[in-house]
């Protein structure tokens, strides 16, 4: 269960990677060129916990019976980003579709 929380936490935000190429011009001068590749997650907007569909809250209750749903976010695809906390204070993020199926983001 904690592994799922860690996996979710690692997917928050975007990831950036830099690649560096060395270019040689006609006159023999070397130029460094940096290419940046960014991968961003879908844009989620915060909603109240009460707005989360019943199917999603049922999935949380079933799979994480000791967890509390602290915050909820949704995107245009009706996917839900859920911030959960356990009794020991550990927090994690999981993602679900509107039918309560878990998804990897």
N, C-alpha and C. Protein backbone atom coordinates (compact mmCIF):
# COMPACT_ATOMS: atom_id res chain seq x y z
N UNK A 1 0.82 -1.18 0.00
CA UNK A 1 0.00 0.00 0.00
C UNK A 1 0.87 1.25 0.00
N UNK A 2 1.95 1.23 0.80
CA UNK A 2 2.84 2.38 0.84
C UNK A 2 3.55 2.57 -0.50
N UNK A 3 3.78 1.45 -1.21
CA UNK A 3 4.43 1.54 -2.52
C UNK A 3 3.57 2.35 -3.48
N UNK A 4 2.25 2.15 -3.42
CA UNK A 4 1.34 2.90 -4.28
C UNK A 4 1.40 4.37 -3.95
N UNK A 5 1.50 4.69 -2.66
CA UNK A 5 1.62 6.08 -2.26
C UNK A 5 2.91 6.70 -2.79
N UNK A 6 4.01 5.97 -2.68
CA UNK A 6 5.28 6.49 -3.17
C UNK A 6 5.27 6.66 -4.68
N UNK A 7 4.67 5.70 -5.38
CA UNK A 7 4.57 5.80 -6.83
C UNK A 7 3.77 7.03 -7.23
N UNK A 8 2.68 7.25 -6.55
CA UNK A 8 1.86 8.42 -6.83
C UNK A 8 2.59 9.71 -6.54
N UNK A 9 3.33 9.74 -5.45
CA UNK A 9 4.07 10.93 -5.08
C UNK A 9 5.14 11.27 -6.10
N UNK A 10 5.72 10.24 -6.71
CA UNK A 10 6.78 10.47 -7.69
C UNK A 10 6.23 11.03 -9.00
N UNK A 11 4.93 10.85 -9.23
CA UNK A 11 4.38 11.31 -10.49
C UNK A 11 3.85 12.74 -10.43
N UNK A 12 3.85 13.32 -9.24
CA UNK A 12 3.36 14.68 -9.11
C UNK A 12 4.32 15.64 -9.80
N UNK A 13 3.72 16.60 -10.47
CA UNK A 13 4.54 17.61 -11.13
C UNK A 13 5.06 17.14 -12.47
N UNK A 14 5.95 17.88 -13.06
CA UNK A 14 6.55 17.52 -14.35
C UNK A 14 7.96 17.03 -14.17
N UNK A 15 8.45 16.40 -15.17
CA UNK A 15 9.82 15.92 -15.19
C UNK A 15 10.53 16.66 -16.31
N UNK A 16 11.77 17.02 -16.07
CA UNK A 16 12.54 17.72 -17.09
C UNK A 16 13.86 16.99 -17.32
N UNK A 17 14.30 16.98 -18.54
CA UNK A 17 15.54 16.31 -18.89
C UNK A 17 16.30 17.25 -19.85
N UNK A 18 17.58 17.37 -19.66
CA UNK A 18 18.39 18.21 -20.53
C UNK A 18 19.30 17.33 -21.38
N UNK A 19 19.44 17.69 -22.65
CA UNK A 19 20.38 17.01 -23.55
C UNK A 19 21.29 18.07 -24.12
N UNK A 20 22.56 17.75 -24.25
CA UNK A 20 23.51 18.74 -24.74
C UNK A 20 24.19 18.19 -25.99
N UNK A 21 24.15 18.97 -27.05
CA UNK A 21 24.77 18.60 -28.31
C UNK A 21 25.90 19.58 -28.61
N UNK A 22 26.96 19.08 -29.17
CA UNK A 22 28.06 19.95 -29.59
C UNK A 22 27.97 20.08 -31.10
N UNK A 23 27.84 21.33 -31.56
CA UNK A 23 27.76 21.61 -32.99
C UNK A 23 29.06 22.26 -33.43
N UNK A 24 29.53 21.89 -34.59
CA UNK A 24 30.74 22.49 -35.14
C UNK A 24 30.33 23.27 -36.38
N UNK A 25 30.62 24.57 -36.36
CA UNK A 25 30.25 25.41 -37.51
C UNK A 25 31.29 25.24 -38.62
N UNK A 26 31.04 25.86 -39.75
CA UNK A 26 31.92 25.75 -40.91
C UNK A 26 33.34 26.24 -40.61
N UNK A 27 33.46 27.22 -39.71
CA UNK A 27 34.79 27.76 -39.42
C UNK A 27 35.49 27.00 -38.29
N UNK A 28 34.91 25.85 -37.85
CA UNK A 28 35.56 25.01 -36.85
C UNK A 28 35.27 25.39 -35.41
N UNK A 29 34.41 26.37 -35.19
CA UNK A 29 34.09 26.78 -33.82
C UNK A 29 33.01 25.85 -33.27
N UNK A 30 33.25 25.39 -32.06
CA UNK A 30 32.27 24.50 -31.43
C UNK A 30 31.24 25.33 -30.67
N UNK A 31 29.99 24.92 -30.81
CA UNK A 31 28.88 25.57 -30.11
C UNK A 31 28.13 24.49 -29.33
N UNK A 32 27.81 24.81 -28.11
CA UNK A 32 26.99 23.90 -27.31
C UNK A 32 25.53 24.31 -27.46
N UNK A 33 24.69 23.33 -27.70
CA UNK A 33 23.27 23.60 -27.82
C UNK A 33 22.56 22.73 -26.78
N UNK A 34 21.69 23.35 -26.00
CA UNK A 34 20.96 22.62 -24.97
C UNK A 34 19.51 22.50 -25.42
N UNK A 35 19.04 21.28 -25.48
CA UNK A 35 17.65 21.01 -25.80
C UNK A 35 16.96 20.57 -24.53
N UNK A 36 15.82 21.16 -24.22
CA UNK A 36 15.09 20.79 -23.02
C UNK A 36 13.83 20.05 -23.41
N UNK A 37 13.61 18.92 -22.75
CA UNK A 37 12.43 18.12 -23.00
C UNK A 37 11.63 18.11 -21.71
N UNK A 38 10.39 18.54 -21.75
CA UNK A 38 9.56 18.58 -20.55
C UNK A 38 8.35 17.69 -20.73
N UNK A 39 8.02 16.97 -19.68
CA UNK A 39 6.82 16.15 -19.68
C UNK A 39 5.99 16.63 -18.51
N UNK A 40 4.80 17.12 -18.76
CA UNK A 40 3.95 17.64 -17.69
C UNK A 40 2.71 16.77 -17.54
N UNK A 41 2.23 16.67 -16.32
CA UNK A 41 1.00 15.93 -16.09
C UNK A 41 -0.18 16.80 -16.49
N UNK A 42 -1.33 16.18 -16.62
CA UNK A 42 -2.53 16.91 -16.97
C UNK A 42 -2.79 18.00 -15.94
N UNK A 43 -3.45 19.07 -16.37
CA UNK A 43 -3.79 20.15 -15.45
C UNK A 43 -4.97 19.74 -14.59
N UNK A 44 -4.75 19.68 -13.29
CA UNK A 44 -5.79 19.35 -12.34
C UNK A 44 -6.19 20.60 -11.59
N UNK A 45 -7.50 20.75 -11.33
CA UNK A 45 -8.01 21.85 -10.53
C UNK A 45 -8.61 21.29 -9.26
N UNK A 46 -8.37 21.97 -8.15
CA UNK A 46 -8.86 21.48 -6.87
C UNK A 46 -10.39 21.59 -6.80
N UNK A 47 -10.99 20.57 -6.23
CA UNK A 47 -12.43 20.55 -5.98
C UNK A 47 -12.63 20.16 -4.52
N UNK A 48 -13.83 20.34 -4.03
CA UNK A 48 -14.10 19.92 -2.66
C UNK A 48 -14.21 18.40 -2.62
N UNK A 49 -13.90 17.83 -1.48
CA UNK A 49 -13.97 16.38 -1.32
C UNK A 49 -15.41 15.90 -1.55
N UNK A 50 -16.38 16.73 -1.23
CA UNK A 50 -17.80 16.37 -1.41
C UNK A 50 -18.17 16.20 -2.88
N UNK A 51 -17.40 16.80 -3.79
CA UNK A 51 -17.69 16.71 -5.23
C UNK A 51 -17.15 15.44 -5.88
N UNK A 52 -16.37 14.66 -5.16
CA UNK A 52 -15.79 13.43 -5.70
C UNK A 52 -16.93 12.42 -5.89
N UNK A 53 -17.00 11.78 -7.06
CA UNK A 53 -18.07 10.80 -7.31
C UNK A 53 -18.07 9.67 -6.28
N UNK A 54 -19.25 9.15 -6.02
CA UNK A 54 -19.40 8.08 -5.04
C UNK A 54 -18.55 6.86 -5.39
N UNK A 55 -18.45 6.53 -6.68
CA UNK A 55 -17.65 5.38 -7.10
C UNK A 55 -16.19 5.54 -6.70
N UNK A 56 -15.69 6.75 -6.75
CA UNK A 56 -14.29 7.02 -6.38
C UNK A 56 -14.12 6.92 -4.87
N UNK A 57 -15.03 7.51 -4.11
CA UNK A 57 -14.92 7.42 -2.65
C UNK A 57 -15.09 5.98 -2.17
N UNK A 58 -15.93 5.21 -2.86
CA UNK A 58 -16.07 3.79 -2.52
C UNK A 58 -14.77 3.04 -2.77
N UNK A 59 -14.08 3.35 -3.87
CA UNK A 59 -12.80 2.70 -4.18
C UNK A 59 -11.75 3.04 -3.13
N UNK A 60 -11.74 4.29 -2.67
CA UNK A 60 -10.80 4.69 -1.62
C UNK A 60 -11.10 3.92 -0.34
N UNK A 61 -12.37 3.85 0.04
CA UNK A 61 -12.76 3.13 1.25
C UNK A 61 -12.40 1.65 1.18
N UNK A 62 -12.60 1.06 0.02
CA UNK A 62 -12.32 -0.37 -0.16
C UNK A 62 -10.82 -0.67 -0.14
N UNK A 63 -10.03 0.12 -0.88
CA UNK A 63 -8.61 -0.17 -1.03
C UNK A 63 -7.73 0.47 0.04
N UNK A 64 -8.20 1.52 0.66
CA UNK A 64 -7.44 2.23 1.69
C UNK A 64 -8.36 2.49 2.89
N UNK A 65 -8.78 1.44 3.59
CA UNK A 65 -9.80 1.61 4.63
C UNK A 65 -9.38 2.52 5.79
N UNK A 66 -8.09 2.67 6.05
CA UNK A 66 -7.66 3.53 7.16
C UNK A 66 -7.24 4.91 6.69
N UNK A 67 -7.40 5.21 5.41
CA UNK A 67 -6.97 6.49 4.86
C UNK A 67 -8.08 7.53 4.92
N UNK A 68 -7.67 8.78 5.04
CA UNK A 68 -8.59 9.91 4.96
C UNK A 68 -8.35 10.63 3.64
N UNK A 69 -9.41 11.03 2.98
CA UNK A 69 -9.30 11.80 1.75
C UNK A 69 -9.18 13.27 2.13
N UNK A 70 -7.96 13.83 1.97
CA UNK A 70 -7.68 15.20 2.40
C UNK A 70 -8.01 16.23 1.33
N UNK A 71 -7.59 15.96 0.09
CA UNK A 71 -7.81 16.91 -1.01
C UNK A 71 -8.16 16.13 -2.26
N UNK A 72 -8.87 16.80 -3.16
CA UNK A 72 -9.24 16.17 -4.42
C UNK A 72 -9.08 17.20 -5.55
N UNK A 73 -8.67 16.69 -6.69
CA UNK A 73 -8.48 17.51 -7.88
C UNK A 73 -9.09 16.75 -9.06
N UNK A 74 -9.49 17.47 -10.09
CA UNK A 74 -10.02 16.83 -11.29
C UNK A 74 -9.49 17.55 -12.52
N UNK A 75 -9.53 16.86 -13.67
CA UNK A 75 -9.12 17.48 -14.93
C UNK A 75 -10.25 17.35 -15.94
N UNK A 76 -10.01 17.79 -17.17
CA UNK A 76 -11.03 17.77 -18.21
C UNK A 76 -11.47 16.36 -18.59
N UNK A 77 -10.60 15.37 -18.37
CA UNK A 77 -10.93 13.99 -18.71
C UNK A 77 -11.71 13.29 -17.59
N UNK A 78 -12.11 14.05 -16.58
CA UNK A 78 -12.81 13.52 -15.42
C UNK A 78 -12.00 12.44 -14.70
N UNK A 79 -10.70 12.72 -14.59
CA UNK A 79 -9.81 11.90 -13.80
C UNK A 79 -9.60 12.62 -12.48
N UNK A 80 -9.38 11.88 -11.43
CA UNK A 80 -9.28 12.46 -10.11
C UNK A 80 -7.92 12.18 -9.49
N UNK A 81 -7.33 13.23 -8.97
CA UNK A 81 -6.08 13.16 -8.22
C UNK A 81 -6.50 13.30 -6.76
N UNK A 82 -6.17 12.30 -5.96
CA UNK A 82 -6.63 12.26 -4.58
C UNK A 82 -5.45 12.24 -3.63
N UNK A 83 -5.44 13.14 -2.69
CA UNK A 83 -4.40 13.20 -1.66
C UNK A 83 -4.97 12.52 -0.43
N UNK A 84 -4.33 11.41 -0.03
CA UNK A 84 -4.78 10.61 1.10
C UNK A 84 -3.77 10.69 2.23
N UNK A 85 -4.26 10.54 3.45
CA UNK A 85 -3.34 10.45 4.60
C UNK A 85 -3.74 9.25 5.44
N UNK A 86 -2.71 8.59 5.98
CA UNK A 86 -2.92 7.45 6.86
C UNK A 86 -2.89 7.91 8.31
N UNK A 87 -3.27 7.00 9.20
CA UNK A 87 -3.32 7.32 10.63
C UNK A 87 -1.96 7.77 11.17
N UNK A 88 -0.87 7.25 10.60
CA UNK A 88 0.46 7.61 11.09
C UNK A 88 0.97 8.93 10.51
N UNK A 89 0.14 9.62 9.73
CA UNK A 89 0.52 10.91 9.16
C UNK A 89 1.13 10.83 7.78
N UNK A 90 1.37 9.61 7.29
CA UNK A 90 1.92 9.43 5.95
C UNK A 90 0.91 9.90 4.91
N UNK A 91 1.38 10.68 3.94
CA UNK A 91 0.50 11.15 2.86
C UNK A 91 0.94 10.56 1.54
N UNK A 92 -0.01 10.43 0.64
CA UNK A 92 0.29 9.94 -0.69
C UNK A 92 -0.79 10.40 -1.65
N UNK A 93 -0.50 10.25 -2.92
CA UNK A 93 -1.43 10.66 -3.97
C UNK A 93 -1.74 9.48 -4.85
N UNK A 94 -3.01 9.29 -5.15
CA UNK A 94 -3.46 8.25 -6.07
C UNK A 94 -4.35 8.90 -7.12
N UNK A 95 -4.53 8.21 -8.24
CA UNK A 95 -5.33 8.73 -9.35
C UNK A 95 -6.39 7.70 -9.71
N UNK A 96 -7.59 8.21 -10.02
CA UNK A 96 -8.70 7.33 -10.39
C UNK A 96 -9.53 8.00 -11.48
N UNK A 97 -10.24 7.16 -12.26
CA UNK A 97 -11.19 7.72 -13.20
C UNK A 97 -12.52 7.90 -12.48
N UNK A 98 -13.51 8.43 -13.17
CA UNK A 98 -14.79 8.74 -12.52
C UNK A 98 -15.57 7.50 -12.11
N UNK A 99 -15.16 6.34 -12.56
CA UNK A 99 -15.83 5.09 -12.21
C UNK A 99 -15.14 4.39 -11.04
N UNK A 100 -14.08 4.98 -10.51
CA UNK A 100 -13.39 4.40 -9.37
C UNK A 100 -12.29 3.43 -9.72
N UNK A 101 -11.88 3.40 -10.99
CA UNK A 101 -10.77 2.55 -11.42
C UNK A 101 -9.46 3.30 -11.21
N UNK A 102 -8.46 2.64 -10.66
CA UNK A 102 -7.16 3.26 -10.42
C UNK A 102 -6.43 3.42 -11.75
N UNK A 103 -5.74 4.54 -11.91
CA UNK A 103 -4.98 4.79 -13.13
C UNK A 103 -3.57 5.25 -12.75
N UNK A 104 -2.62 4.99 -13.64
CA UNK A 104 -1.25 5.45 -13.47
C UNK A 104 -1.09 6.76 -14.20
N UNK A 105 -0.51 7.72 -13.55
CA UNK A 105 -0.27 9.03 -14.16
C UNK A 105 1.21 9.32 -14.13
